C-alpha cells in the first residue's frame, strides 16, 4: 500500500534548491543507460560515470539518457550543471512525493509523472515517480529504481519500427508518456478483476476480511486518482505549449494520449463509485444478517414466554391440603402430562401464527 504521508523534515528550513533525496531508496546502485540514435543507426550502452554522457549533448542525433536510482545526489547535481538545469528542478526530481506537473524552461521542458507497476509476487500495485527532461536533441529520464514500462519503446528504437527513429526528442518523450499511460490500463484491468472477485465474495458471505479488502482498495484508488488526475493537465499543457521543443507533428499524438488519460480517469471514477456501493452493500448485508438473527432469537423468546408462565405458575408449590383453592391440579393423576400437553399446544399454535404472518 502506498504511503500517503511521507516524512520531509530533512528538507525543512533549508534554502530553496538544496539537493536532498526525499523518499525510499529503491536501488542499490545508480544505473546510467544511454541510447543514441538517428534514422540510420542506434548506439546503446551502460556507463559507469556520468561524465560519459556529456559528449552526446553536442551530437545532432537523438540521445536518451536514463538514470535508475536517485539516492546519489552528486550524480543529479553533475547532470544539472552539465545541462544547465535549474536547482529547483533538481530538487523536485529528488523529492519523490511530487504531483504530476509540467514546467517550461525555454531551452528544455520538465515533466513529472507517476509510473505504476504490478508486483506479481506481492499481488499489489507499486508506485514510482518518473521525471522527464526534454531538450532540443535529448531526453533525460530519472527513475527511482530499475525496471519500467519503457521496454517496448527501447525495442522500437532498436528495431527501427514506427516513427521513433525518424522523429526528434519530443516524439521520444511522447512515446515514454504513452507507455506509462498505456500501462495504466493494465493496472486498472487487474483492479477490475479484484473488484469483481470482491463483489462475488460480498454477495455470498460478507466477512470482516471483505471489509478490510474494500478499505484497502479505497485507499489505493484515492492514491491512484491523486497520481493520475493531474496528468490530464500535463498532456493538455504539452499540446498548447508554444515551445519550439514540441513540434507540430507531435501534437496529434499528444491528443491521443490526452484521450487515453480521460479514459483512465473515467475508469477510476467508475471504480470509486463501485467501491462506495460495495461498502454500502456490505453494511446493508451485515445489518440484514443481524436483523435475521435478532428475528429468530425474538421468535424463540416469544414462544418460551407463555411456556415459562405456565411453568412458573405450577412451580409455586402451594399446598392443596391447606385450602381447596390452592392448586387442585397438583393432586391430579394426569397433572404433569396435562401441563406438558398445554405447553406443547401453545408452542405449536404460536409457530403456526408466526408462519401465517410470514415472520418465519
Protein backbone atom coordinates (compact mmCIF):
# COMPACT_ATOMS: atom_id res chain seq x y z
CA UNK A 1 0.00 0.00 0.00
CA UNK A 2 1.39 3.45 -0.85
CA UNK A 3 2.26 5.85 1.91
CA UNK A 4 0.11 8.97 1.91
CA UNK A 5 2.22 10.96 4.34
CA UNK A 6 5.95 10.89 3.79
CA UNK A 7 8.39 12.40 6.23
CA UNK A 8 10.02 15.51 4.80
CA UNK A 9 11.61 17.01 7.89
CA UNK A 10 15.09 16.70 6.35
CA UNK A 11 14.23 19.48 3.88
CA UNK A 12 12.52 21.79 6.38
CA UNK A 13 14.28 25.09 6.90
CA UNK A 14 16.88 24.58 4.16
CA UNK A 15 17.35 27.13 1.35
CA UNK A 16 15.37 26.52 -1.87
CA UNK A 17 17.27 24.36 -4.31
CA UNK A 18 19.09 22.34 -1.64
CA UNK A 19 19.52 18.86 -3.07
CA UNK A 20 18.37 16.15 -0.64
CA UNK A 21 16.83 12.84 -1.65
CA UNK A 22 13.38 12.55 -0.05
CA UNK A 23 11.83 9.12 -0.42
CA UNK A 24 12.62 5.45 -0.17
CA UNK A 25 15.93 4.18 -1.51
CA UNK A 26 14.76 1.71 -4.16
CA UNK A 27 18.03 0.96 -5.97
CA UNK A 28 21.31 -0.30 -4.51
CA UNK A 29 23.43 1.30 -7.23
CA UNK A 30 22.66 4.04 -9.70
CA UNK A 31 22.47 2.72 -13.27
CA UNK A 32 23.01 5.09 -16.21
CA UNK A 33 21.92 3.94 -19.66
CA UNK A 34 22.41 5.82 -22.93
CA UNK A 35 20.56 5.20 -26.20
CA UNK A 36 21.76 7.41 -29.06
CA UNK A 37 20.12 7.06 -32.45
CA UNK A 38 19.10 8.55 -35.74
CA UNK A 39 17.29 7.09 -38.74
CA UNK A 40 20.33 5.09 -39.88
CA UNK A 41 21.90 3.71 -36.69
CA UNK A 42 21.46 3.25 -32.96
CA UNK A 43 24.01 3.03 -30.14
CA UNK A 44 23.10 1.65 -26.70
CA UNK A 45 25.38 1.30 -23.69
CA UNK A 46 25.56 1.41 -19.91
CA UNK A 47 28.07 3.90 -18.48
CA UNK A 48 29.67 3.94 -15.06
CA UNK A 49 30.36 7.66 -14.83
CA UNK A 50 28.00 10.50 -15.60
CA UNK A 51 30.82 12.30 -17.43
CA UNK A 52 30.48 9.83 -20.29
CA UNK A 53 27.08 11.34 -21.11
CA UNK A 54 28.41 14.83 -21.79
CA UNK A 55 29.71 14.32 -25.37
CA UNK A 56 26.21 13.41 -26.52
CA UNK A 57 24.95 16.92 -25.78
CA UNK A 58 26.60 18.27 -28.90
CA UNK A 59 25.61 15.45 -31.27
CA UNK A 60 22.86 16.03 -33.86
CA UNK A 61 21.41 12.60 -33.09
CA UNK A 62 18.67 11.99 -30.51
CA UNK A 63 20.00 10.86 -27.13
CA UNK A 64 18.01 9.20 -24.36
CA UNK A 65 19.79 9.20 -21.00
CA UNK A 66 18.04 7.06 -18.38
CA UNK A 67 19.07 7.10 -14.71
CA UNK A 68 17.80 4.41 -12.32
CA UNK A 69 18.24 5.44 -8.69
CA UNK A 70 18.03 8.90 -7.13
CA UNK A 71 19.88 8.46 -3.83
CA UNK A 72 23.30 9.58 -5.16
CA UNK A 73 22.75 13.32 -5.11
CA UNK A 74 26.13 14.18 -6.65
CA UNK A 75 25.13 12.49 -9.93
CA UNK A 76 21.95 14.57 -10.15
CA UNK A 77 23.99 17.68 -9.34
CA UNK A 78 26.53 16.95 -12.09
CA UNK A 79 23.77 16.42 -14.67
CA UNK A 80 22.18 19.70 -13.62
CA UNK A 81 25.46 21.53 -14.07
CA UNK A 82 26.16 20.00 -17.49
CA UNK A 83 22.68 20.58 -18.95
CA UNK A 84 22.18 23.91 -17.17
CA UNK A 85 19.15 22.68 -15.17
CA UNK A 86 17.54 24.91 -12.56
CA UNK A 87 18.29 23.96 -8.91
CA UNK A 88 14.58 23.92 -8.06
CA UNK A 89 14.02 21.42 -10.87
CA UNK A 90 16.72 19.15 -9.42
CA UNK A 91 15.11 19.48 -6.00
CA UNK A 92 11.78 18.32 -7.47
CA UNK A 93 13.49 15.30 -9.05
CA UNK A 94 14.88 14.20 -5.69
CA UNK A 95 11.57 14.74 -3.88
CA UNK A 96 9.63 11.63 -4.89
CA UNK A 97 6.32 12.88 -3.48
CA UNK A 98 5.68 15.44 -6.22
CA UNK A 99 2.35 15.61 -8.03
CA UNK A 100 2.45 15.20 -11.85
CA UNK A 101 3.26 18.54 -13.47
CA UNK A 102 4.96 20.24 -16.41
CA UNK A 103 7.25 23.28 -16.45
CA UNK A 104 8.64 25.09 -19.48
CA UNK A 105 12.18 26.46 -19.01
CA UNK A 106 12.58 27.81 -22.57
CA UNK A 107 15.50 25.59 -23.65
CA UNK A 108 14.07 22.46 -22.01
CA UNK A 109 10.75 21.13 -20.67
CA UNK A 110 10.45 19.38 -17.31
CA UNK A 111 7.72 16.76 -16.66
CA UNK A 112 6.94 14.66 -13.57
CA UNK A 113 4.74 11.56 -13.87
CA UNK A 114 3.74 8.59 -11.74
CA UNK A 115 4.56 5.17 -13.16
CA UNK A 116 2.53 2.17 -11.96
CA UNK A 117 3.89 -1.36 -11.92
CA UNK A 118 2.05 -4.54 -10.93
CA UNK A 119 4.12 -6.60 -8.49
CA UNK A 120 3.18 -10.19 -9.29
CA UNK A 121 4.70 -11.80 -6.18
CA UNK A 122 3.03 -9.37 -3.76
CA UNK A 123 -0.08 -9.04 -5.98
CA UNK A 124 -0.19 -5.29 -5.48
CA UNK A 125 0.49 -2.08 -7.39
CA UNK A 126 3.81 -0.28 -6.94
CA UNK A 127 4.02 3.48 -7.48
CA UNK A 128 7.15 5.22 -8.75
CA UNK A 129 7.96 8.80 -9.74
CA UNK A 130 9.44 9.39 -13.19
CA UNK A 131 10.96 12.74 -14.14
CA UNK A 132 11.45 13.59 -17.81
CA UNK A 133 13.54 16.44 -19.26
CA UNK A 134 13.00 17.22 -22.93
CA UNK A 135 15.79 19.12 -24.67
CA UNK A 136 16.45 20.05 -28.33
CA UNK A 137 18.05 16.70 -29.14
CA UNK A 138 17.96 14.76 -25.88
CA UNK A 139 15.61 13.27 -23.32
CA UNK A 140 16.73 12.57 -19.74
CA UNK A 141 14.61 10.31 -17.54
CA UNK A 142 15.04 9.81 -13.79
CA UNK A 143 13.57 6.73 -12.11
CA UNK A 144 13.63 5.55 -8.52
CA UNK A 145 14.71 2.01 -9.41
CA UNK A 146 15.49 -0.33 -12.28
CA UNK A 147 12.55 -1.87 -14.10
CA UNK A 148 9.98 0.15 -16.00
CA UNK A 149 7.35 0.09 -18.75
CA UNK A 150 9.67 1.50 -21.44
CA UNK A 151 10.91 -1.79 -22.87
CA UNK A 152 8.51 -1.52 -25.82
CA UNK A 153 9.98 1.90 -26.66
CA UNK A 154 13.51 0.52 -26.49
CA UNK A 155 12.51 -2.37 -28.75
CA UNK A 156 11.08 0.03 -31.33
CA UNK A 157 14.26 2.10 -31.26
CA UNK A 158 16.49 -0.96 -31.67
CA UNK A 159 14.41 -2.43 -34.50
CA UNK A 160 13.67 0.89 -36.19
CA UNK A 161 9.92 0.24 -36.12
CA UNK A 162 7.41 3.06 -36.27
CA UNK A 163 8.30 6.75 -36.33
CA UNK A 164 10.55 6.95 -33.30
CA UNK A 165 13.84 6.77 -35.25
CA UNK A 166 12.61 9.27 -37.83
CA UNK A 167 11.46 11.97 -35.42
CA UNK A 168 13.02 14.07 -32.70
CA UNK A 169 13.33 14.12 -28.93
CA UNK A 170 9.78 15.40 -28.48
CA UNK A 171 8.38 12.25 -30.13
CA UNK A 172 10.59 10.10 -27.86
CA UNK A 173 9.14 11.91 -24.83
CA UNK A 174 5.64 11.30 -26.21
CA UNK A 175 6.43 7.58 -26.62
CA UNK A 176 7.59 7.36 -23.00
CA UNK A 177 4.48 9.14 -21.70
CA UNK A 178 2.28 6.96 -23.89
CA UNK A 179 3.93 3.80 -22.47
CA UNK A 180 3.19 4.99 -18.91
CA UNK A 181 -0.44 5.81 -19.74
CA UNK A 182 -0.99 2.53 -21.61
CA UNK A 183 0.26 0.62 -18.57
CA UNK A 184 -2.44 2.35 -16.50
CA UNK A 185 -5.00 0.30 -18.46
CA UNK A 186 -3.20 -2.92 -17.44
CA UNK A 187 -3.25 -1.85 -13.78
CA UNK A 188 -6.92 -0.88 -13.98
CA UNK A 189 -7.75 -4.23 -15.58
CA UNK A 190 -6.14 -6.01 -12.60
CA UNK A 191 -8.07 -3.77 -10.22
CA UNK A 192 -11.30 -4.52 -12.10
CA UNK A 193 -10.72 -8.26 -11.68
CA UNK A 194 -10.12 -7.78 -7.95
CA UNK A 195 -13.32 -5.74 -7.65
CA UNK A 196 -15.29 -8.46 -9.42
CA UNK A 197 -13.94 -11.09 -7.03
CA UNK A 198 -14.69 -8.90 -4.01
CA UNK A 199 -18.22 -8.33 -5.25
CA UNK A 200 -18.81 -12.09 -5.57
CA UNK A 201 -17.45 -12.67 -2.05
CA UNK A 202 -19.61 -9.85 -0.78
CA UNK A 203 -22.79 -11.34 -2.21
CA UNK A 204 -22.01 -14.86 -0.96
CA UNK A 205 -20.82 -14.23 2.58
CA UNK A 206 -19.61 -10.79 3.74
CA UNK A 207 -16.88 -11.09 6.38
CA UNK A 208 -14.63 -8.60 8.23
CA UNK A 209 -11.85 -9.63 5.81
CA UNK A 210 -14.03 -8.43 2.93
CA UNK A 211 -14.40 -5.06 4.64
CA UNK A 212 -10.62 -4.83 5.04
CA UNK A 213 -10.15 -5.53 1.32
CA UNK A 214 -12.67 -2.83 0.42
CA UNK A 215 -10.96 -0.33 2.72
CA UNK A 216 -7.51 -1.12 1.27
CA UNK A 217 -8.84 -0.82 -2.27
CA UNK A 218 -10.44 2.55 -1.47
CA UNK A 219 -7.07 3.85 -0.21
CA UNK A 220 -5.33 2.59 -3.35
CA UNK A 221 -7.93 4.25 -5.57
CA UNK A 222 -7.51 7.56 -3.73
CA UNK A 223 -3.76 7.42 -4.31
CA UNK A 224 -4.31 6.34 -7.93
CA UNK A 225 -6.64 9.28 -8.52
CA UNK A 226 -4.16 11.65 -6.91
CA UNK A 227 -1.41 10.34 -9.20
CA UNK A 228 -3.34 10.36 -12.48
CA UNK A 229 -5.77 13.30 -12.34
CA UNK A 230 -3.04 15.96 -12.78
CA UNK A 231 -1.71 14.05 -15.80
CA UNK A 232 -4.58 15.46 -17.84
CA UNK A 233 -3.26 18.96 -17.21
CA UNK A 234 0.29 17.87 -18.11
CA UNK A 235 -0.68 16.43 -21.51
CA UNK A 236 -3.02 19.33 -22.22
CA UNK A 237 -0.23 21.82 -21.48
CA UNK A 238 2.11 19.95 -23.82
CA UNK A 239 -0.49 20.29 -26.58
CA UNK A 240 -0.95 24.02 -26.02
CA UNK A 241 2.67 24.93 -25.39
CA UNK A 242 4.34 27.42 -27.70
CA UNK A 243 7.76 25.91 -27.06
CA UNK A 244 9.76 25.08 -30.17
CA UNK A 245 10.78 21.83 -28.48
CA UNK A 246 7.32 20.35 -29.21
CA UNK A 247 6.98 20.15 -32.98
CA UNK A 248 3.66 20.40 -34.78
CA UNK A 249 3.82 16.80 -35.97
CA UNK A 250 3.91 15.52 -32.39
CA UNK A 251 0.80 17.39 -31.23
CA UNK A 252 -1.61 14.94 -32.88
CA UNK A 253 -0.02 12.07 -30.94
CA UNK A 254 -0.32 14.05 -27.71
CA UNK A 255 -4.05 14.41 -28.39
CA UNK A 256 -4.28 10.62 -28.50
CA UNK A 257 -2.52 10.38 -25.12
CA UNK A 258 -4.92 13.00 -23.77
CA UNK A 259 -7.89 10.86 -24.86
CA UNK A 260 -6.36 7.82 -23.14
CA UNK A 261 -5.85 9.87 -19.99
CA UNK A 262 -9.53 10.83 -19.95
CA UNK A 263 -10.49 7.15 -20.34
CA UNK A 264 -8.25 6.22 -17.40
CA UNK A 265 -9.76 8.95 -15.21
CA UNK A 266 -13.32 7.88 -16.12
CA UNK A 267 -12.46 4.27 -15.24
CA UNK A 268 -11.01 5.35 -11.90
CA UNK A 269 -14.16 7.31 -11.07
CA UNK A 270 -16.30 4.30 -12.02
CA UNK A 271 -14.27 2.03 -9.75
CA UNK A 272 -14.50 4.52 -6.89
CA UNK A 273 -18.30 4.59 -7.25
CA UNK A 274 -18.34 0.78 -7.30
CA UNK A 275 -16.28 0.65 -4.11
CA UNK A 276 -18.60 3.11 -2.38
CA UNK A 277 -21.57 0.98 -3.46
CA UNK A 278 -19.83 -2.17 -2.23
CA UNK A 279 -19.20 -0.58 1.15
CA UNK A 280 -22.87 0.40 1.45
CA UNK A 281 -23.87 -3.10 0.31
CA UNK A 282 -21.59 -4.66 2.94
CA UNK A 283 -23.12 -2.55 5.71
CA UNK A 284 -26.65 -3.35 4.48
CA UNK A 285 -25.98 -7.09 4.27
CA UNK A 286 -24.38 -7.17 7.71
CA UNK A 287 -27.35 -5.23 9.08
CA UNK A 288 -29.82 -7.60 7.39
CA UNK A 289 -27.90 -10.58 8.70
CA UNK A 290 -28.07 -9.15 12.20
CA UNK A 291 -31.79 -8.48 11.79
CA UNK A 292 -32.37 -12.10 10.76
CA UNK A 293 -30.51 -13.35 13.83
CA UNK A 294 -32.44 -10.98 16.10
CA UNK A 295 -35.72 -12.08 14.50
CA UNK A 296 -35.01 -15.75 15.19
CA UNK A 297 -33.97 -15.02 18.76
CA UNK A 298 -37.06 -12.87 19.31
CA UNK A 299 -39.37 -15.60 17.98
CA UNK A 300 -37.72 -18.20 20.21
CA UNK A 301 -38.05 -15.90 23.23
CA UNK A 302 -41.68 -15.13 22.35
CA UNK A 303 -42.53 -18.85 22.13
CA UNK A 304 -40.99 -19.52 25.52
CA UNK A 305 -42.74 -16.64 27.28
CA UNK A 306 -46.10 -18.48 27.76
CA UNK A 307 -44.28 -21.73 28.47
CA UNK A 308 -42.27 -20.02 31.16
CA UNK A 309 -45.51 -18.52 32.50
CA UNK A 310 -47.13 -21.97 32.79
CA UNK A 311 -44.02 -23.49 34.38
CA UNK A 312 -43.79 -20.57 36.80
CA UNK A 313 -47.36 -20.96 37.99
CA UNK A 314 -47.03 -24.67 38.67
CA UNK A 315 -43.70 -24.18 40.31
CA UNK A 316 -45.12 -22.13 43.19
CA UNK A 317 -45.94 -25.30 45.21
CA UNK A 318 -48.97 -24.05 47.18
CA UNK A 319 -50.31 -26.86 49.45
CA UNK A 320 -53.76 -28.00 48.18
CA UNK A 321 -54.48 -29.58 51.64
CA UNK A 322 -54.36 -26.17 53.28
CA UNK A 323 -57.13 -24.79 51.05
CA UNK A 324 -59.24 -26.17 48.20
CA UNK A 325 -58.26 -23.06 46.24
CA UNK A 326 -54.52 -23.85 46.39
CA UNK A 327 -53.77 -25.51 43.03
CA UNK A 328 -56.01 -28.56 42.99
CA UNK A 329 -54.23 -29.57 39.72
CA UNK A 330 -51.21 -30.65 41.77
CA UNK A 331 -53.19 -33.60 43.00
CA UNK A 332 -54.42 -34.73 39.62
CA UNK A 333 -53.32 -38.14 38.37
CA UNK A 334 -52.53 -36.75 34.84
CA UNK A 335 -51.49 -33.26 36.03
CA UNK A 336 -47.85 -33.46 34.87
CA UNK A 337 -48.82 -34.75 31.44
CA UNK A 338 -51.57 -32.12 31.16
CA UNK A 339 -49.02 -29.36 31.78
CA UNK A 340 -46.75 -30.74 29.04
CA UNK A 341 -49.62 -31.03 26.59
CA UNK A 342 -50.72 -27.46 27.34
CA UNK A 343 -47.22 -26.08 26.77
CA UNK A 344 -46.73 -28.10 23.55
CA UNK A 345 -50.08 -26.96 22.13
CA UNK A 346 -49.32 -23.31 22.96
CA UNK A 347 -45.91 -23.55 21.27
CA UNK A 348 -47.37 -25.17 18.11
CA UNK A 349 -50.17 -22.59 17.90
CA UNK A 350 -47.64 -19.75 18.16
CA UNK A 351 -45.42 -21.23 15.42
CA UNK A 352 -48.48 -21.60 13.15
CA UNK A 353 -49.43 -17.98 13.88
CA UNK A 354 -45.91 -16.75 13.07
CA UNK A 355 -45.90 -18.67 9.78
CA UNK A 356 -49.29 -17.19 8.79
CA UNK A 357 -47.85 -13.74 9.49
CA UNK A 358 -44.77 -14.70 7.42
CA UNK A 359 -42.45 -13.94 10.32
CA UNK A 360 -40.84 -17.36 9.88
